[in-house]
Amino acid sequence: MSYTFFMPNVSLMGPGCVKKIAEEITSRGLKKALIVCGKRSSKSEEFKGVTDLLKEHNIEYVVYAGSQPNPTVTNVMDGVDILKENDCDFVISYGGGSPHDCAKGIALVATNGGNIKDYEGINKSSKPQLPLISINTTAGTASEMTVFSIITDEERHVKMAIVDKNVTPILAVNDPELMVSMPKSLTAATGMDALTHAVEAYVSKAATPITDACAQKAIELISNNLRDAVKDGNNIEARDMMAYAEYLAGMAFNSASLGYVHAIAHQLGGFYNLPHGVCNAILLPEVQVFNSKVSKNKLRDIAKFMGVDTSNMNEEEGANACIKAIRKLSKDIDIPLGLRELGVKEEDFDTLADNALKDACGLTNPIQATHQDIKDILTKSMDTEVEFA
């Protein structure tokens, strides 16, 4: 069986690397950018530093600050209108996964036409999107370098998974100096999102030695640095290592894809407008309990990557140790303990399960679930009990 590996042409990493974007833009002959971001980030000093850099190098731009958390079809199509009205020839996304996903949708529709809803699913576009440069300010989603774009269809209350090689940015920028202002809660949630990417990629049916290597290193870096990044946002070393970790996790799931954690979390986000990383963190251990029916050996590996001594553990003991380690990390960084705390209701489980089973991310889960399996995972995730003994 043959496999494909995706990632951007160029990635800039490390403190201060954002200063090199003007050189990259000019070398490609790009003239005028649509900058896609959220309202809050558009008012930050770090954002002003980016726009000042563009002005200094005579690169024109228009700011579209209409990307909301869990970006919608309307956000994307409004952005397409602004891009066309201003004759922009490329797109810059600034922020976390939401503006990156929104920008991908804009850039894809700009060249392929129609509505972003036309591209739900896998490789539905026929043309490359407009050049996209993604400047990342969180350490979690890896949307700055993946083939995934998650857009909420507000009419159906569903998060659409757009998985398309044509939405890969041409340039990804991960500068930890842009991440120091992230609040503790966002640092925690995005870090657990990155861990989920790595874990789901590692147990995926489409995993390869390349994606396994990326996932392993990501899990190690997250286990060793996320607590420090949450505790002290100005810890540049921890921020830098988390930036590498989320990128490595992106390299893993960009080609190995994901599983039922994301398939279910997408529905929770679309239905209740909940934070994606928090949903992932709550669901991650329960989905791995389900996956342990077939993936005990892989879960034991993950426990080892998280710093657990598994040398005297059999596969079942190692799998249990993995699940406990995930739960302990979530507790240490103050992730909510259950979905009930987020306002999720049992009467919605049938709809959530129906939609989760249609999500493309579930296709590579190591074991396929029934409708009742998904409901059981949701039930167990409502009020979790944490044990570390």
Protein backbone atom coordinates (compact mmCIF):
# COMPACT_ATOMS: atom_id res chain seq x y z
CA MET A 1 0.00 0.00 0.00
CA SER A 2 1.34 3.44 -0.92
CA TYR A 3 1.17 6.51 1.30
CA THR A 4 1.38 10.27 0.81
CA PHE A 5 3.06 12.80 3.11
CA PHE A 6 1.94 16.46 3.12
CA MET A 7 3.46 19.64 4.56
CA PRO A 8 4.15 23.26 3.49
CA ASN A 9 6.94 24.12 1.07
CA VAL A 10 8.63 26.32 3.68
CA SER A 11 8.27 26.56 7.47
CA LEU A 12 9.89 29.21 9.68
CA MET A 13 10.55 28.18 13.29
CA GLY A 14 12.08 29.75 16.39
CA PRO A 15 12.14 33.08 18.25
CA GLY A 16 12.04 36.08 15.91
CA CYS A 17 11.39 34.09 12.74
CA VAL A 18 8.31 36.16 11.86
CA LYS A 19 10.65 38.96 10.79
CA LYS A 20 11.57 36.92 7.71
CA ILE A 21 8.09 36.87 6.17
CA ALA A 22 8.55 40.04 4.11
CA GLU A 23 11.54 38.50 2.37
CA GLU A 24 9.52 35.34 1.65
CA ILE A 25 6.58 37.35 0.27
CA THR A 26 8.74 39.52 -1.95
CA SER A 27 10.68 36.56 -3.32
CA ARG A 28 7.40 35.04 -4.53
CA GLY A 29 6.31 38.21 -6.33
CA LEU A 30 3.16 38.56 -4.20
CA LYS A 31 1.70 42.06 -4.06
CA LYS A 32 -1.41 42.52 -1.92
CA ALA A 33 -2.58 40.44 1.03
CA LEU A 34 -5.92 39.79 2.64
CA ILE A 35 -4.98 39.34 6.31
CA VAL A 36 -7.48 37.07 8.07
CA CYS A 37 -7.61 37.27 11.87
CA GLY A 38 -9.93 37.68 14.84
CA LYS A 39 -11.02 41.01 16.30
CA ARG A 40 -9.00 40.63 19.49
CA SER A 41 -5.75 39.65 17.78
CA SER A 42 -6.11 42.49 15.25
CA LYS A 43 -5.66 44.94 18.14
CA SER A 44 -2.56 43.31 19.63
CA GLU A 45 0.95 44.73 19.63
CA GLU A 46 2.25 41.56 18.01
CA PHE A 47 -0.19 41.99 15.11
CA LYS A 48 0.88 45.61 14.70
CA GLY A 49 4.47 44.38 14.47
CA VAL A 50 3.50 42.21 11.49
CA THR A 51 1.62 44.96 9.68
CA ASP A 52 4.47 47.42 10.35
CA LEU A 53 6.83 44.92 8.77
CA LEU A 54 4.64 44.69 5.67
CA LYS A 55 4.47 48.50 5.40
CA GLU A 56 8.22 48.76 5.75
CA HIS A 57 8.64 46.52 2.71
CA ASN A 58 5.85 48.18 0.69
CA ILE A 59 3.60 45.12 0.78
CA GLU A 60 -0.03 46.16 0.52
CA TYR A 61 -2.69 44.54 2.67
CA VAL A 62 -6.33 44.66 3.73
CA VAL A 63 -7.39 43.35 7.16
CA TYR A 64 -10.42 41.09 7.53
CA ALA A 65 -10.95 40.65 11.28
CA GLY A 66 -14.14 38.65 10.82
CA SER A 67 -12.89 35.19 11.73
CA GLN A 68 -14.66 34.08 14.88
CA PRO A 69 -13.85 31.07 17.06
CA ASN A 70 -15.21 28.05 15.18
CA PRO A 71 -15.32 29.98 11.87
CA THR A 72 -18.52 29.75 9.87
CA VAL A 73 -19.57 29.51 6.24
CA THR A 74 -20.62 33.17 6.48
CA ASN A 75 -17.17 34.17 7.79
CA VAL A 76 -15.54 32.48 4.79
CA MET A 77 -17.86 33.86 2.14
CA ASP A 78 -17.69 37.40 3.58
CA GLY A 79 -13.92 37.12 3.38
CA VAL A 80 -14.08 36.01 -0.25
CA ASP A 81 -16.10 39.13 -1.09
CA ILE A 82 -13.57 41.41 0.60
CA LEU A 83 -10.66 39.66 -1.13
CA LYS A 84 -12.24 40.13 -4.55
CA GLU A 85 -13.27 43.73 -3.90
CA ASN A 86 -9.68 44.63 -3.05
CA ASP A 87 -7.93 42.55 -5.77
CA CYS A 88 -5.79 40.66 -3.27
CA ASP A 89 -3.46 38.08 -4.83
CA PHE A 90 -2.60 36.16 -1.64
CA VAL A 91 -3.82 35.55 1.89
CA ILE A 92 -2.14 35.82 5.29
CA SER A 93 -3.75 34.15 8.30
CA TYR A 94 -2.78 35.41 11.74
CA GLY A 95 -3.71 33.66 14.98
CA GLY A 96 -4.71 30.13 15.89
CA GLY A 97 -6.70 27.44 14.16
CA SER A 98 -9.83 29.53 13.60
CA PRO A 99 -8.30 32.24 11.38
CA HIS A 100 -6.11 29.67 9.62
CA ASP A 101 -9.14 27.53 8.78
CA CYS A 102 -11.16 30.57 7.73
CA ALA A 103 -8.31 31.78 5.51
CA LYS A 104 -7.99 28.35 3.90
CA GLY A 105 -11.68 28.46 3.04
CA ILE A 106 -11.35 31.94 1.55
CA ALA A 107 -8.26 31.07 -0.49
CA LEU A 108 -9.85 27.85 -1.78
CA VAL A 109 -13.13 29.44 -2.88
CA ALA A 110 -11.27 32.37 -4.43
CA THR A 111 -9.77 30.09 -7.10
CA ASN A 112 -12.30 27.25 -7.29
CA GLY A 113 -15.54 29.25 -7.04
CA GLY A 114 -18.86 28.31 -5.50
CA ASN A 115 -19.45 28.08 -1.77
CA ILE A 116 -17.13 26.61 0.86
CA LYS A 117 -19.85 24.02 1.55
CA ASP A 118 -19.11 22.54 -1.87
CA TYR A 119 -15.74 21.30 -0.59
CA GLU A 120 -16.82 19.34 2.48
CA GLY A 121 -15.12 15.96 2.40
CA ILE A 122 -11.85 14.80 0.89
CA ASN A 123 -10.07 16.49 -2.06
CA LYS A 124 -13.15 18.09 -3.60
CA SER A 125 -11.31 21.04 -5.20
CA SER A 126 -9.78 20.99 -8.67
CA LYS A 127 -7.44 24.00 -8.48
CA PRO A 128 -4.76 25.19 -6.04
CA GLN A 129 -5.95 27.88 -3.66
CA LEU A 130 -4.49 31.37 -3.61
CA PRO A 131 -1.04 31.43 -1.94
CA LEU A 132 -1.54 31.30 1.83
CA ILE A 133 0.95 32.32 4.51
CA SER A 134 -0.07 31.23 8.01
CA ILE A 135 1.41 33.01 11.01
CA ASN A 136 0.67 30.94 14.10
CA THR A 137 0.13 32.39 17.59
CA THR A 138 -1.03 29.26 19.44
CA ALA A 139 0.56 25.86 19.97
CA GLY A 140 -2.17 23.38 19.24
CA THR A 141 -4.14 23.13 16.04
CA ALA A 142 -1.28 22.86 13.49
CA SER A 143 -3.72 24.33 10.96
CA GLU A 144 -0.84 26.52 9.76
CA MET A 145 0.64 23.46 8.04
CA THR A 146 -2.11 20.90 7.41
CA VAL A 147 -4.52 19.79 4.69
CA PHE A 148 -7.45 20.24 7.09
CA SER A 149 -9.92 23.13 7.32
CA ILE A 150 -12.81 22.92 9.78
CA ILE A 151 -15.71 25.25 9.02
CA THR A 152 -19.05 25.42 10.85
CA ASP A 153 -22.17 25.22 8.72
CA GLU A 154 -24.40 27.39 10.91
CA GLU A 155 -27.57 26.20 9.16
CA ARG A 156 -26.95 22.54 10.03
CA HIS A 157 -25.02 23.24 13.28
CA VAL A 158 -22.30 20.93 11.98
CA LYS A 159 -18.56 21.37 11.68
CA MET A 160 -17.54 20.45 8.16
CA ALA A 161 -14.22 18.67 7.72
CA ILE A 162 -12.60 19.92 4.52
CA VAL A 163 -9.60 17.67 3.88
CA ASP A 164 -7.88 18.85 0.73
CA LYS A 165 -4.27 18.92 -0.42
CA ASN A 166 -4.97 22.31 -2.00
CA VAL A 167 -5.51 24.04 1.35
CA THR A 168 -1.92 23.50 2.53
CA PRO A 169 -0.26 26.89 3.20
CA ILE A 170 2.86 27.66 1.18
CA LEU A 171 4.55 29.12 4.27
CA ALA A 172 4.02 28.28 7.96
CA VAL A 173 5.41 30.56 10.67
CA ASN A 174 5.82 29.41 14.29
CA ASP A 175 7.46 32.16 16.33
CA PRO A 176 7.16 31.50 20.10
CA GLU A 177 7.53 35.22 20.78
CA LEU A 178 4.04 35.63 19.30
CA MET A 179 2.66 33.07 21.78
CA VAL A 180 3.67 34.57 25.12
CA SER A 181 0.43 36.54 25.52
CA MET A 182 -1.75 33.41 25.31
CA PRO A 183 -3.79 33.08 28.53
CA LYS A 184 -3.32 29.98 30.67
CA SER A 185 -6.65 28.44 29.65
CA LEU A 186 -5.89 28.78 25.93
CA THR A 187 -2.36 27.46 26.40
CA ALA A 188 -3.80 24.43 28.17
CA ALA A 189 -6.57 23.77 25.65
CA THR A 190 -4.37 24.15 22.57
CA GLY A 191 -1.67 22.00 24.14
CA MET A 192 -4.16 19.21 24.72
CA ASP A 193 -5.36 19.63 21.14
CA ALA A 194 -1.78 19.00 20.00
CA LEU A 195 -1.53 15.93 22.26
CA THR A 196 -4.77 14.62 20.78
CA HIS A 197 -3.40 15.06 17.26
CA ALA A 198 -0.30 13.06 18.14
CA VAL A 199 -2.14 10.28 19.98
CA GLU A 200 -4.80 9.86 17.30
CA ALA A 201 -2.18 9.85 14.55
CA TYR A 202 -0.11 7.25 16.41
CA VAL A 203 -3.02 4.80 16.78
CA SER A 204 -4.45 5.60 13.33
CA LYS A 205 -4.98 2.86 10.75
CA ALA A 206 -3.06 5.06 8.30
CA ALA A 207 0.02 5.52 10.51
CA THR A 208 3.47 5.00 8.97
CA PRO A 209 6.99 4.97 10.43
CA ILE A 210 7.28 8.65 9.42
CA THR A 211 4.08 9.73 11.16
CA ASP A 212 4.87 7.52 14.18
CA ALA A 213 8.24 9.26 14.61
CA CYS A 214 6.60 12.70 14.46
CA ALA A 215 3.86 11.66 16.88
CA GLN A 216 6.33 10.17 19.37
CA LYS A 217 8.48 13.29 19.55
CA ALA A 218 5.40 15.50 19.82
CA ILE A 219 4.05 13.48 22.76
CA GLU A 220 7.43 13.63 24.52
CA LEU A 221 7.72 17.41 24.05
CA ILE A 222 4.16 18.07 25.20
CA SER A 223 4.55 15.88 28.29
CA ASN A 224 7.78 17.68 29.22
CA ASN A 225 6.77 21.28 28.43
CA LEU A 226 3.01 21.90 28.52
CA ARG A 227 2.78 22.24 32.29
CA ASP A 228 5.62 24.79 32.25
CA ALA A 229 4.06 26.77 29.39
CA VAL A 230 0.76 26.97 31.27
CA LYS A 231 2.44 27.91 34.54
CA ASP A 232 4.60 30.69 33.06
CA GLY A 233 3.55 32.10 29.71
CA ASN A 234 6.80 34.04 29.42
CA ASN A 235 8.87 30.85 29.48
CA ILE A 236 10.19 31.14 25.93
CA GLU A 237 11.92 27.76 26.02
CA ALA A 238 8.67 25.98 26.97
CA ARG A 239 6.77 28.01 24.37
CA ASP A 240 9.34 27.15 21.71
CA MET A 241 9.22 23.44 22.51
CA MET A 242 5.41 23.51 22.42
CA ALA A 243 5.58 25.19 19.00
CA TYR A 244 7.77 22.36 17.76
CA ALA A 245 5.48 19.82 19.42
CA GLU A 246 2.29 21.09 17.80
CA TYR A 247 4.03 21.23 14.42
CA LEU A 248 5.30 17.67 14.77
CA ALA A 249 1.84 16.54 15.80
CA GLY A 250 0.55 18.30 12.68
CA MET A 251 3.08 16.44 10.54
CA ALA A 252 1.77 13.23 12.06
CA PHE A 253 -1.97 13.70 11.61
CA ASN A 254 -1.65 15.62 8.35
CA SER A 255 -0.85 12.29 6.71
CA ALA A 256 -2.07 9.65 9.21
CA SER A 257 -5.31 11.56 9.88
CA LEU A 258 -7.20 11.34 13.17
CA GLY A 259 -9.98 9.39 14.88
CA TYR A 260 -13.15 9.55 16.93
CA VAL A 261 -11.91 12.18 19.38
CA HIS A 262 -11.98 14.72 16.57
CA ALA A 263 -15.05 13.22 14.89
CA ILE A 264 -17.02 13.74 18.11
CA ALA A 265 -15.37 17.03 19.13
CA HIS A 266 -16.29 18.57 15.77
CA GLN A 267 -19.95 17.88 16.51
CA LEU A 268 -19.75 19.33 20.01
CA GLY A 269 -18.13 22.45 18.61
CA GLY A 270 -20.63 22.83 15.80
CA PHE A 271 -23.69 22.10 17.97
CA TYR A 272 -22.80 24.06 21.11
CA ASN A 273 -20.01 26.37 19.85
CA LEU A 274 -17.58 24.90 22.39
CA PRO A 275 -13.76 25.28 22.46
CA HIS A 276 -12.24 22.53 20.34
CA GLY A 277 -9.17 21.84 22.48
CA VAL A 278 -11.20 21.44 25.67
CA CYS A 279 -13.59 19.00 23.98
CA ASN A 280 -10.63 17.00 22.69
CA ALA A 281 -9.00 16.88 26.12
CA ILE A 282 -12.17 15.53 27.77
CA LEU A 283 -12.86 12.97 25.04
CA LEU A 284 -9.28 11.77 24.53
CA PRO A 285 -9.02 9.28 27.44
CA GLU A 286 -12.50 7.83 26.89
CA VAL A 287 -11.90 7.26 23.17
CA GLN A 288 -8.62 5.53 24.03
CA VAL A 289 -10.49 3.26 26.43
CA PHE A 290 -12.62 2.29 23.42
CA ASN A 291 -9.54 1.97 21.19
CA SER A 292 -7.78 -0.27 23.73
CA LYS A 293 -9.82 -3.17 22.39
CA VAL A 294 -7.34 -3.27 19.49
CA SER A 295 -4.52 -0.80 20.31
CA LYS A 296 -3.16 -1.77 23.71
CA ASN A 297 0.39 -2.07 22.38
CA LYS A 298 0.30 1.41 20.83
CA LEU A 299 -1.20 2.92 23.98
CA ARG A 300 1.55 1.31 26.07
CA ASP A 301 4.05 3.04 23.73
CA ILE A 302 2.31 6.36 24.36
CA ALA A 303 2.53 5.85 28.13
CA LYS A 304 6.28 5.40 27.71
CA PHE A 305 6.51 8.55 25.57
CA MET A 306 4.73 10.41 28.39
CA GLY A 307 7.41 9.38 30.86
CA VAL A 308 5.79 6.29 32.41
CA ASP A 309 8.10 3.37 33.20
CA THR A 310 6.39 0.58 31.25
CA SER A 311 9.27 -1.90 31.34
CA ASN A 312 7.42 -4.33 33.63
CA MET A 313 3.92 -3.73 32.23
CA ASN A 314 1.97 -5.97 29.92
CA GLU A 315 -0.07 -4.41 27.12
CA GLU A 316 -3.23 -3.97 29.17
CA GLU A 317 -1.37 -2.40 32.09
CA GLY A 318 0.47 -0.11 29.69
CA ALA A 319 -2.76 0.98 28.01
CA ASN A 320 -4.30 1.79 31.41
CA ALA A 321 -1.17 3.74 32.34
CA CYS A 322 -1.47 5.78 29.15
CA ILE A 323 -5.07 6.72 29.90
CA LYS A 324 -4.18 7.70 33.48
CA ALA A 325 -1.25 9.82 32.26
CA ILE A 326 -3.50 11.72 29.85
CA ARG A 327 -6.05 12.37 32.59
CA LYS A 328 -3.37 13.53 35.01
CA LEU A 329 -1.95 15.99 32.50
CA SER A 330 -5.43 17.42 31.91
CA LYS A 331 -5.99 17.77 35.66
CA ASP A 332 -2.61 19.42 36.21
CA ILE A 333 -3.43 22.18 33.70
CA ASP A 334 -7.04 22.68 34.90
CA ILE A 335 -8.95 21.27 31.95
CA PRO A 336 -12.67 20.87 32.85
CA LEU A 337 -13.34 17.33 34.00
CA GLY A 338 -16.47 16.59 31.99
CA LEU A 339 -18.75 17.61 29.14
CA ARG A 340 -21.59 18.36 31.55
CA GLU A 341 -19.56 21.30 32.80
CA LEU A 342 -19.61 22.66 29.23
CA GLY A 343 -23.39 22.43 28.92
CA VAL A 344 -23.64 19.25 26.85
CA LYS A 345 -27.03 17.50 27.17
CA GLU A 346 -27.85 13.78 26.97
CA GLU A 347 -30.92 14.43 24.83
CA ASP A 348 -28.63 15.58 22.01
CA PHE A 349 -26.53 12.40 21.95
CA ASP A 350 -28.40 10.75 19.07
CA THR A 351 -27.83 13.75 16.80
CA LEU A 352 -24.21 14.11 17.90
CA ALA A 353 -23.55 10.41 17.29
CA ASP A 354 -25.23 10.46 13.88
CA ASN A 355 -23.06 13.37 12.75
CA ALA A 356 -19.86 12.00 14.31
CA LEU A 357 -20.21 8.81 12.29
CA LYS A 358 -20.31 10.91 9.11
CA ASP A 359 -17.13 12.82 9.98
CA ALA A 360 -14.13 11.92 7.79
CA CYS A 361 -11.80 11.82 10.80
CA GLY A 362 -13.43 8.64 12.06
CA LEU A 363 -12.40 6.66 9.00
CA THR A 364 -8.87 6.10 10.31
CA ASN A 365 -9.77 5.30 13.91
CA PRO A 366 -8.18 1.91 14.74
CA ILE A 367 -11.60 0.35 15.39
CA GLN A 368 -14.90 1.38 13.84
CA ALA A 369 -17.70 2.43 16.18
CA THR A 370 -21.43 1.91 16.18
CA HIS A 371 -23.96 4.62 16.97
CA GLN A 372 -24.26 3.18 20.49
CA ASP A 373 -20.45 3.17 20.92
CA ILE A 374 -20.36 6.92 20.26
CA LYS A 375 -23.20 7.51 22.71
CA ASP A 376 -21.36 5.44 25.32
CA ILE A 377 -18.20 7.53 24.85
CA LEU A 378 -20.25 10.71 25.28
CA THR A 379 -21.93 9.32 28.39
CA LYS A 380 -18.62 8.39 30.01
CA SER A 381 -17.21 11.83 29.12
CA MET A 382 -19.99 13.75 30.86
CA ASP A 383 -18.63 13.36 34.38
CA THR A 384 -15.13 11.90 34.49
CA GLU A 385 -13.48 10.50 37.59
CA VAL A 386 -9.74 10.85 37.79
CA GLU A 387 -7.61 8.17 39.42
CA PHE A 388 -3.82 8.14 39.43
CA ALA A 389 -3.02 5.29 41.79
